[in-house]
PDB file of N, CA and C in Angstrom:
ATOM      1  N   UNK A   1     -15.689   7.836   9.439  1.00  0.00           N
ATOM      2  CA  UNK A   1     -14.647   6.987   8.857  1.00  0.00           C
ATOM      3  C   UNK A   1     -15.203   6.169   7.703  1.00  0.00           C
ATOM      4  N   UNK A   2     -14.324   5.769   6.824  1.00  0.00           N
ATOM      5  CA  UNK A   2     -14.704   5.004   5.642  1.00  0.00           C
ATOM      6  C   UNK A   2     -13.603   3.989   5.343  1.00  0.00           C
ATOM      7  N   UNK A   3     -13.999   2.742   5.075  1.00  0.00           N
ATOM      8  CA  UNK A   3     -13.055   1.698   4.723  1.00  0.00           C
ATOM      9  C   UNK A   3     -13.799   0.637   3.933  1.00  0.00           C
ATOM     10  N   UNK A   4     -13.268   0.279   2.766  1.00  0.00           N
ATOM     11  CA  UNK A   4     -13.926  -0.752   1.984  1.00  0.00           C
ATOM     12  C   UNK A   4     -13.217  -1.035   0.680  1.00  0.00           C
ATOM     13  N   UNK A   5     -13.605  -2.122   0.034  1.00  0.00           N
ATOM     14  CA  UNK A   5     -12.977  -2.509  -1.234  1.00  0.00           C
ATOM     15  C   UNK A   5     -13.549  -1.712  -2.399  1.00  0.00           C
ATOM     16  N   UNK A   6     -12.801  -1.710  -3.509  1.00  0.00           N
ATOM     17  CA  UNK A   6     -13.334  -1.155  -4.742  1.00  0.00           C
ATOM     18  C   UNK A   6     -12.952  -2.061  -5.906  1.00  0.00           C
ATOM     19  N   UNK A   7     -13.752  -2.013  -6.947  1.00  0.00           N
ATOM     20  CA  UNK A   7     -13.521  -2.741  -8.177  1.00  0.00           C
ATOM     21  C   UNK A   7     -13.619  -1.734  -9.305  1.00  0.00           C
ATOM     22  N   UNK A   8     -12.641  -1.714 -10.205  1.00  0.00           N
ATOM     23  CA  UNK A   8     -12.628  -0.734 -11.285  1.00  0.00           C
ATOM     24  C   UNK A   8     -12.393  -1.417 -12.622  1.00  0.00           C
ATOM     25  N   UNK A   9     -12.941  -0.803 -13.674  1.00  0.00           N
ATOM     26  CA  UNK A   9     -12.753  -1.275 -15.035  1.00  0.00           C
ATOM     27  C   UNK A   9     -12.493  -0.065 -15.922  1.00  0.00           C
ATOM     28  N   UNK A  10     -11.358  -0.044 -16.602  1.00  0.00           N
ATOM     29  CA  UNK A  10     -11.022   1.061 -17.496  1.00  0.00           C
ATOM     30  C   UNK A  10     -11.766   0.934 -18.808  1.00  0.00           C
ATOM     31  N   UNK A  11     -12.533   1.951 -19.164  1.00  0.00           N
ATOM     32  CA  UNK A  11     -13.330   1.913 -20.385  1.00  0.00           C
ATOM     33  C   UNK A  11     -12.532   2.426 -21.582  1.00  0.00           C
ATOM     34  N   UNK A  12     -11.930   3.602 -21.434  1.00  0.00           N
ATOM     35  CA  UNK A  12     -11.167   4.191 -22.531  1.00  0.00           C
ATOM     36  C   UNK A  12     -10.039   5.033 -21.944  1.00  0.00           C
ATOM     37  N   UNK A  13      -8.963   5.152 -22.663  1.00  0.00           N
ATOM     38  CA  UNK A  13      -7.849   5.973 -22.220  1.00  0.00           C
ATOM     39  C   UNK A  13      -6.806   6.081 -23.317  1.00  0.00           C
ATOM     40  N   UNK A  14      -5.997   7.116 -23.240  1.00  0.00           N
ATOM     41  CA  UNK A  14      -4.922   7.277 -24.213  1.00  0.00           C
ATOM     42  C   UNK A  14      -3.666   7.709 -23.462  1.00  0.00           C
ATOM     43  N   UNK A  15      -2.526   7.551 -24.124  1.00  0.00           N
ATOM     44  CA  UNK A  15      -1.255   7.864 -23.487  1.00  0.00           C
ATOM     45  C   UNK A  15      -0.326   8.492 -24.523  1.00  0.00           C
ATOM     46  N   UNK A  16       0.495   9.407 -24.056  1.00  0.00           N
ATOM     47  CA  UNK A  16       1.494  10.043 -24.904  1.00  0.00           C
ATOM     48  C   UNK A  16       2.767  10.172 -24.084  1.00  0.00           C
ATOM     49  N   UNK A  17       3.796   9.434 -24.454  1.00  0.00           N
ATOM     50  CA  UNK A  17       5.068   9.439 -23.735  1.00  0.00           C
ATOM     51  C   UNK A  17       6.196   9.850 -24.659  1.00  0.00           C
ATOM     52  N   UNK A  18       7.181  10.498 -24.079  1.00  0.00           N
ATOM     53  CA  UNK A  18       8.384  10.853 -24.815  1.00  0.00           C
ATOM     54  C   UNK A  18       9.559  10.730 -23.856  1.00  0.00           C
ATOM     55  N   UNK A  19      10.565   9.965 -24.252  1.00  0.00           N
ATOM     56  CA  UNK A  19      11.741   9.748 -23.423  1.00  0.00           C
ATOM     57  C   UNK A  19      12.985  10.153 -24.207  1.00  0.00           C
ATOM     58  N   UNK A  20      13.932  10.773 -23.539  1.00  0.00           N
ATOM     59  CA  UNK A  20      15.190  11.162 -24.163  1.00  0.00           C
ATOM     60  C   UNK A  20      16.315  10.438 -23.427  1.00  0.00           C
ATOM     61  N   UNK A  21      16.994   9.540 -24.112  1.00  0.00           N
ATOM     62  CA  UNK A  21      18.063   8.760 -23.517  1.00  0.00           C
ATOM     63  C   UNK A  21      19.417   9.353 -23.898  1.00  0.00           C
ATOM     64  N   UNK A  22      20.113   9.948 -22.986  1.00  0.00           N
ATOM     65  CA  UNK A  22      21.487  10.451 -23.171  1.00  0.00           C
ATOM     66  C   UNK A  22      21.648  11.388 -24.370  1.00  0.00           C
ATOM     67  N   UNK A  23      20.625  12.136 -24.708  1.00  0.00           N
ATOM     68  CA  UNK A  23      20.644  13.087 -25.826  1.00  0.00           C
ATOM     69  C   UNK A  23      20.968  12.439 -27.170  1.00  0.00           C
ATOM     70  N   UNK A  24      20.934  11.124 -27.248  1.00  0.00           N
ATOM     71  CA  UNK A  24      21.244  10.442 -28.502  1.00  0.00           C
ATOM     72  C   UNK A  24      20.034   9.738 -29.110  1.00  0.00           C
ATOM     73  N   UNK A  25      19.141   9.291 -28.264  1.00  0.00           N
ATOM     74  CA  UNK A  25      18.014   8.501 -28.738  1.00  0.00           C
ATOM     75  C   UNK A  25      16.742   8.997 -28.069  1.00  0.00           C
ATOM     76  N   UNK A  26      15.730   9.256 -28.851  1.00  0.00           N
ATOM     77  CA  UNK A  26      14.446   9.701 -28.287  1.00  0.00           C
ATOM     78  C   UNK A  26      13.374   8.693 -28.666  1.00  0.00           C
ATOM     79  N   UNK A  27      12.593   8.315 -27.672  1.00  0.00           N
ATOM     80  CA  UNK A  27      11.512   7.353 -27.872  1.00  0.00           C
ATOM     81  C   UNK A  27      10.193   8.076 -27.674  1.00  0.00           C
ATOM     82  N   UNK A  28       9.266   7.909 -28.595  1.00  0.00           N
ATOM     83  CA  UNK A  28       7.941   8.517 -28.469  1.00  0.00           C
ATOM     84  C   UNK A  28       6.882   7.453 -28.697  1.00  0.00           C
ATOM     85  N   UNK A  29       5.797   7.574 -27.941  1.00  0.00           N
ATOM     86  CA  UNK A  29       4.681   6.653 -28.111  1.00  0.00           C
ATOM     87  C   UNK A  29       3.384   7.407 -27.913  1.00  0.00           C
ATOM     88  N   UNK A  30       2.453   7.207 -28.820  1.00  0.00           N
ATOM     89  CA  UNK A  30       1.095   7.718 -28.671  1.00  0.00           C
ATOM     90  C   UNK A  30       0.149   6.593 -29.029  1.00  0.00           C
ATOM     91  N   UNK A  31      -0.890   6.438 -28.252  1.00  0.00           N
ATOM     92  CA  UNK A  31      -1.847   5.389 -28.567  1.00  0.00           C
ATOM     93  C   UNK A  31      -2.791   5.135 -27.416  1.00  0.00           C
ATOM     94  N   UNK A  32      -3.389   3.960 -27.441  1.00  0.00           N
ATOM     95  CA  UNK A  32      -4.357   3.588 -26.421  1.00  0.00           C
ATOM     96  C   UNK A  32      -3.660   3.216 -25.116  1.00  0.00           C
ATOM     97  N   UNK A  33      -4.315   3.501 -24.011  1.00  0.00           N
ATOM     98  CA  UNK A  33      -3.757   3.231 -22.691  1.00  0.00           C
ATOM     99  C   UNK A  33      -3.874   1.758 -22.330  1.00  0.00           C
ATOM    100  N   UNK A  34      -4.959   1.134 -22.753  1.00  0.00           N
ATOM    101  CA  UNK A  34      -5.210  -0.257 -22.394  1.00  0.00           C
ATOM    102  C   UNK A  34      -4.865  -1.173 -23.562  1.00  0.00           C
ATOM    103  N   UNK A  35      -4.400  -2.350 -23.263  1.00  0.00           N
ATOM    104  CA  UNK A  35      -4.105  -3.309 -24.315  1.00  0.00           C
ATOM    105  C   UNK A  35      -3.195  -4.411 -23.810  1.00  0.00           C
ATOM    106  N   UNK A  36      -2.939  -5.356 -24.682  1.00  0.00           N
ATOM    107  CA  UNK A  36      -2.155  -6.537 -24.332  1.00  0.00           C
ATOM    108  C   UNK A  36      -0.757  -6.180 -23.835  1.00  0.00           C
ATOM    109  N   UNK A  37      -0.142  -5.154 -24.410  1.00  0.00           N
ATOM    110  CA  UNK A  37       1.229  -4.805 -24.058  1.00  0.00           C
ATOM    111  C   UNK A  37       1.323  -3.475 -23.311  1.00  0.00           C
ATOM    112  N   UNK A  38       0.228  -2.992 -22.745  1.00  0.00           N
ATOM    113  CA  UNK A  38       0.263  -1.706 -22.046  1.00  0.00           C
ATOM    114  C   UNK A  38      -0.232  -1.847 -20.606  1.00  0.00           C
ATOM    115  N   UNK A  39      -1.512  -1.611 -20.383  1.00  0.00           N
ATOM    116  CA  UNK A  39      -2.067  -1.644 -19.028  1.00  0.00           C
ATOM    117  C   UNK A  39      -3.327  -2.490 -18.974  1.00  0.00           C
ATOM    118  N   UNK A  40      -3.528  -3.130 -17.849  1.00  0.00           N
ATOM    119  CA  UNK A  40      -4.713  -3.966 -17.647  1.00  0.00           C
ATOM    120  C   UNK A  40      -5.925  -3.084 -17.346  1.00  0.00           C
ATOM    121  N   UNK A  41      -7.085  -3.529 -17.782  1.00  0.00           N
ATOM    122  CA  UNK A  41      -8.323  -2.765 -17.570  1.00  0.00           C
ATOM    123  C   UNK A  41      -8.888  -2.933 -16.159  1.00  0.00           C
ATOM    124  N   UNK A  42      -8.735  -4.107 -15.565  1.00  0.00           N
ATOM    125  CA  UNK A  42      -9.346  -4.386 -14.264  1.00  0.00           C
ATOM    126  C   UNK A  42      -8.418  -3.991 -13.116  1.00  0.00           C
ATOM    127  N   UNK A  43      -9.024  -3.508 -12.045  1.00  0.00           N
ATOM    128  CA  UNK A  43      -8.271  -3.204 -10.838  1.00  0.00           C
ATOM    129  C   UNK A  43      -9.153  -3.491  -9.629  1.00  0.00           C
ATOM    130  N   UNK A  44      -8.531  -3.892  -8.559  1.00  0.00           N
ATOM    131  CA  UNK A  44      -9.202  -4.191  -7.301  1.00  0.00           C
ATOM    132  C   UNK A  44      -8.339  -3.614  -6.199  1.00  0.00           C
ATOM    133  N   UNK A  45      -8.960  -2.957  -5.232  1.00  0.00           N
ATOM    134  CA  UNK A  45      -8.164  -2.340  -4.177  1.00  0.00           C
ATOM    135  C   UNK A  45      -8.978  -1.978  -2.958  1.00  0.00           C
ATOM    136  N   UNK A  46      -8.421  -1.069  -2.173  1.00  0.00           N
ATOM    137  CA  UNK A  46      -9.009  -0.666  -0.903  1.00  0.00           C
ATOM    138  C   UNK A  46      -9.080   0.856  -0.836  1.00  0.00           C
ATOM    139  N   UNK A  47     -10.208   1.362  -0.345  1.00  0.00           N
ATOM    140  CA  UNK A  47     -10.402   2.796  -0.135  1.00  0.00           C
ATOM    141  C   UNK A  47     -10.582   3.052   1.345  1.00  0.00           C
ATOM    142  N   UNK A  48      -9.895   4.066   1.852  1.00  0.00           N
ATOM    143  CA  UNK A  48     -10.058   4.465   3.244  1.00  0.00           C
ATOM    144  C   UNK A  48     -10.111   5.988   3.309  1.00  0.00           C
ATOM    145  N   UNK A  49     -10.754   6.491   4.326  1.00  0.00           N
ATOM    146  CA  UNK A  49     -10.855   7.935   4.453  1.00  0.00           C
ATOM    147  C   UNK A  49     -11.740   8.334   5.611  1.00  0.00           C
ATOM    148  N   UNK A  50     -11.932   9.630   5.720  1.00  0.00           N
ATOM    149  CA  UNK A  50     -12.783  10.177   6.777  1.00  0.00           C
ATOM    150  C   UNK A  50     -13.425  11.456   6.268  1.00  0.00           C
ATOM    151  N   UNK A  51     -14.613  11.745   6.778  1.00  0.00           N
ATOM    152  CA  UNK A  51     -15.292  12.976   6.400  1.00  0.00           C
ATOM    153  C   UNK A  51     -16.002  13.568   7.612  1.00  0.00           C
ATOM    154  N   UNK A  52     -16.234  14.852   7.513  1.00  0.00           N
ATOM    155  CA  UNK A  52     -16.921  15.588   8.572  1.00  0.00           C
ATOM    156  C   UNK A  52     -18.095  16.310   7.940  1.00  0.00           C
ATOM    157  N   UNK A  53     -19.266  16.215   8.562  1.00  0.00           N
ATOM    158  CA  UNK A  53     -20.452  16.927   8.087  1.00  0.00           C
ATOM    159  C   UNK A  53     -20.695  18.143   8.966  1.00  0.00           C
ATOM    160  N   UNK A  54     -20.956  19.264   8.308  1.00  0.00           N
ATOM    161  CA  UNK A  54     -21.294  20.498   9.013  1.00  0.00           C
ATOM    162  C   UNK A  54     -22.484  21.113   8.299  1.00  0.00           C
ATOM    163  N   UNK A  55     -23.622  21.133   8.993  1.00  0.00           N
ATOM    164  CA  UNK A  55     -24.889  21.574   8.399  1.00  0.00           C
ATOM    165  C   UNK A  55     -25.133  20.766   7.132  1.00  0.00           C
ATOM    166  N   UNK A  56     -25.218  21.426   5.980  1.00  0.00           N
ATOM    167  CA  UNK A  56     -25.466  20.713   4.734  1.00  0.00           C
ATOM    168  C   UNK A  56     -24.183  20.431   3.955  1.00  0.00           C
ATOM    169  N   UNK A  57     -23.045  20.707   4.522  1.00  0.00           N
ATOM    170  CA  UNK A  57     -21.764  20.533   3.840  1.00  0.00           C
ATOM    171  C   UNK A  57     -21.035  19.304   4.370  1.00  0.00           C
ATOM    172  N   UNK A  58     -20.262  18.695   3.488  1.00  0.00           N
ATOM    173  CA  UNK A  58     -19.454  17.542   3.857  1.00  0.00           C
ATOM    174  C   UNK A  58     -18.031  17.769   3.350  1.00  0.00           C
ATOM    175  N   UNK A  59     -17.035  17.541   4.222  1.00  0.00           N
ATOM    176  CA  UNK A  59     -15.624  17.703   3.884  1.00  0.00           C
ATOM    177  C   UNK A  59     -14.900  16.410   4.238  1.00  0.00           C
ATOM    178  N   UNK A  60     -14.025  15.960   3.360  1.00  0.00           N
ATOM    179  CA  UNK A  60     -13.336  14.708   3.647  1.00  0.00           C
ATOM    180  C   UNK A  60     -12.045  14.542   2.888  1.00  0.00           C
ATOM    181  N   UNK A  61     -11.324  13.499   3.277  1.00  0.00           N
ATOM    182  CA  UNK A  61     -10.066  13.127   2.656  1.00  0.00           C
ATOM    183  C   UNK A  61     -10.073  11.612   2.492  1.00  0.00           C
ATOM    184  N   UNK A  62      -9.698  11.132   1.286  1.00  0.00           N
ATOM    185  CA  UNK A  62      -9.715   9.704   1.004  1.00  0.00           C
ATOM    186  C   UNK A  62      -8.402   9.258   0.358  1.00  0.00           C
ATOM    187  N   UNK A  63      -8.047   7.996   0.572  1.00  0.00           N
ATOM    188  CA  UNK A  63      -6.882   7.386  -0.066  1.00  0.00           C
ATOM    189  C   UNK A  63      -7.314   6.049  -0.649  1.00  0.00           C
ATOM    190  N   UNK A  64      -6.947   5.813  -1.901  1.00  0.00           N
ATOM    191  CA  UNK A  64      -7.290   4.579  -2.591  1.00  0.00           C
ATOM    192  C   UNK A  64      -6.010   3.926  -3.101  1.00  0.00           C
ATOM    193  N   UNK A  65      -5.891   2.601  -2.914  1.00  0.00           N
ATOM    194  CA  UNK A  65      -4.698   1.865  -3.339  1.00  0.00           C
ATOM    195  C   UNK A  65      -5.127   0.591  -4.027  1.00  0.00           C
ATOM    196  N   UNK A  66      -4.674   0.410  -5.263  1.00  0.00           N
ATOM    197  CA  UNK A  66      -4.964  -0.808  -6.004  1.00  0.00           C
ATOM    198  C   UNK A  66      -4.038  -1.941  -5.597  1.00  0.00           C
ATOM    199  N   UNK A  67      -4.530  -3.166  -5.659  1.00  0.00           N
ATOM    200  CA  UNK A  67      -3.747  -4.345  -5.302  1.00  0.00           C
ATOM    201  C   UNK A  67      -3.209  -5.093  -6.522  1.00  0.00           C
ATOM    202  N   UNK A  68      -3.749  -4.796  -7.703  1.00  0.00           N
ATOM    203  CA  UNK A  68      -3.371  -5.510  -8.915  1.00  0.00           C
ATOM    204  C   UNK A  68      -2.337  -4.700  -9.683  1.00  0.00           C
ATOM    205  N   UNK A  69      -1.251  -5.337 -10.081  1.00  0.00           N
ATOM    206  CA  UNK A  69      -0.238  -4.684 -10.907  1.00  0.00           C
ATOM    207  C   UNK A  69      -0.858  -4.436 -12.283  1.00  0.00           C
ATOM    208  N   UNK A  70      -1.092  -3.171 -12.635  1.00  0.00           N
ATOM    209  CA  UNK A  70      -1.778  -2.840 -13.879  1.00  0.00           C
ATOM    210  C   UNK A  70      -0.848  -2.801 -15.079  1.00  0.00           C
ATOM    211  N   UNK A  71       0.455  -2.960 -14.878  1.00  0.00           N
ATOM    212  CA  UNK A  71       1.409  -2.982 -15.979  1.00  0.00           C
ATOM    213  C   UNK A  71       1.358  -4.347 -16.664  1.00  0.00           C
ATOM    214  N   UNK A  72       0.956  -4.379 -17.920  1.00  0.00           N
ATOM    215  CA  UNK A  72       0.812  -5.642 -18.640  1.00  0.00           C
ATOM    216  C   UNK A  72       2.113  -6.109 -19.279  1.00  0.00           C
ATOM    217  N   UNK A  73       3.150  -5.285 -19.273  1.00  0.00           N
ATOM    218  CA  UNK A  73       4.395  -5.626 -19.945  1.00  0.00           C
ATOM    219  C   UNK A  73       5.237  -6.609 -19.125  1.00  0.00           C
ATOM    220  N   UNK A  74       5.174  -6.526 -17.814  1.00  0.00           N
ATOM    221  CA  UNK A  74       5.969  -7.365 -16.914  1.00  0.00           C
ATOM    222  C   UNK A  74       7.463  -7.214 -17.178  1.00  0.00           C
ATOM    223  N   UNK A  75       7.951  -5.968 -17.141  1.00  0.00           N
ATOM    224  CA  UNK A  75       9.358  -5.686 -17.394  1.00  0.00           C
ATOM    225  C   UNK A  75      10.155  -5.467 -16.110  1.00  0.00           C
ATOM    226  N   UNK A  76       9.664  -5.975 -15.010  1.00  0.00           N
ATOM    227  CA  UNK A  76      10.370  -5.833 -13.745  1.00  0.00           C
ATOM    228  C   UNK A  76       9.875  -4.678 -12.887  1.00  0.00           C
ATOM    229  N   UNK A  77       9.003  -3.850 -13.442  1.00  0.00           N
ATOM    230  CA  UNK A  77       8.438  -2.735 -12.688  1.00  0.00           C
ATOM    231  C   UNK A  77       7.021  -3.084 -12.263  1.00  0.00           C
ATOM    232  N   UNK A  78       6.636  -2.608 -11.102  1.00  0.00           N
ATOM    233  CA  UNK A  78       5.272  -2.788 -10.622  1.00  0.00           C
ATOM    234  C   UNK A  78       4.568  -1.447 -10.649  1.00  0.00           C
ATOM    235  N   UNK A  79       3.369  -1.418 -11.228  1.00  0.00           N
ATOM    236  CA  UNK A  79       2.565  -0.199 -11.281  1.00  0.00           C
ATOM    237  C   UNK A  79       1.224  -0.475 -10.619  1.00  0.00           C
ATOM    238  N   UNK A  80       0.911   0.331  -9.620  1.00  0.00           N
ATOM    239  CA  UNK A  80      -0.355   0.205  -8.910  1.00  0.00           C
ATOM    240  C   UNK A  80      -1.061   1.551  -8.920  1.00  0.00           C
ATOM    241  N   UNK A  81      -2.394   1.527  -9.058  1.00  0.00           N
ATOM    242  CA  UNK A  81      -3.173   2.746  -8.996  1.00  0.00           C
ATOM    243  C   UNK A  81      -3.224   3.246  -7.557  1.00  0.00           C
ATOM    244  N   UNK A  82      -3.015   4.549  -7.385  1.00  0.00           N
ATOM    245  CA  UNK A  82      -3.126   5.194  -6.081  1.00  0.00           C
ATOM    246  C   UNK A  82      -3.736   6.576  -6.282  1.00  0.00           C
ATOM    247  N   UNK A  83      -4.645   6.957  -5.403  1.00  0.00           N
ATOM    248  CA  UNK A  83      -5.216   8.298  -5.460  1.00  0.00           C
ATOM    249  C   UNK A  83      -5.383   8.851  -4.055  1.00  0.00           C
ATOM    250  N   UNK A  84      -5.228  10.143  -3.958  1.00  0.00           N
ATOM    251  CA  UNK A  84      -5.581  10.889  -2.751  1.00  0.00           C
ATOM    252  C   UNK A  84      -6.638  11.881  -3.190  1.00  0.00           C
ATOM    253  N   UNK A  85      -7.775  11.884  -2.520  1.00  0.00           N
ATOM    254  CA  UNK A  85      -8.908  12.723  -2.928  1.00  0.00           C
ATOM    255  C   UNK A  85      -9.350  13.638  -1.810  1.00  0.00           C
ATOM    256  N   UNK A  86      -9.675  14.842  -2.187  1.00  0.00           N
ATOM    257  CA  UNK A  86     -10.323  15.784  -1.286  1.00  0.00           C
ATOM    258  C   UNK A  86     -11.797  15.797  -1.669  1.00  0.00           C
ATOM    259  N   UNK A  87     -12.660  15.551  -0.711  1.00  0.00           N
ATOM    260  CA  UNK A  87     -14.084  15.433  -0.970  1.00  0.00           C
ATOM    261  C   UNK A  87     -14.805  16.660  -0.409  1.00  0.00           C
ATOM    262  N   UNK A  88     -15.541  17.322  -1.284  1.00  0.00           N
ATOM    263  CA  UNK A  88     -16.377  18.446  -0.878  1.00  0.00           C
ATOM    264  C   UNK A  88     -17.793  18.152  -1.354  1.00  0.00           C
ATOM    265  N   UNK A  89     -18.749  18.208  -0.441  1.00  0.00           N
ATOM    266  CA  UNK A  89     -20.121  17.884  -0.807  1.00  0.00           C
ATOM    267  C   UNK A  89     -21.147  18.837  -0.219  1.00  0.00           C
ATOM    268  N   UNK A  90     -22.304  18.871  -0.860  1.00  0.00           N
ATOM    269  CA  UNK A  90     -23.431  19.665  -0.382  1.00  0.00           C
ATOM    270  C   UNK A  90     -24.656  18.786  -0.406  1.00  0.00           C
ATOM    271  N   UNK A  91     -25.357  18.701   0.707  1.00  0.00           N
ATOM    272  CA  UNK A  91     -26.547  17.867   0.829  1.00  0.00           C
ATOM    273  C   UNK A  91     -27.794  18.693   0.556  1.00  0.00           C
ATOM    274  N   UNK A  92     -28.588  18.246  -0.406  1.00  0.00           N
ATOM    275  CA  UNK A  92     -29.840  18.949  -0.753  1.00  0.00           C
ATOM    276  C   UNK A  92     -30.952  18.535   0.163  1.00  0.00           C
TER     277      UNK A  92
END
């Protein structure tokens, strides 16, 4: 079993969005992912999971959930980082 906190810092990222509103108006954005009006760089959260070792191999499943709303716009939506990971390892 695995359970513990994590701290993350976004170094670089880019985003490309395109929205079509009622076939009358299209919005496009390309640029940096992080910034004053986009997403926050820092995140703090919790990781949990489990793994099984067999001989020199390791197999596992993990879930990570951020606690900090990374949306810097504050437009009424909450955005949190979440990941589900499959872990495959080999021990030398």
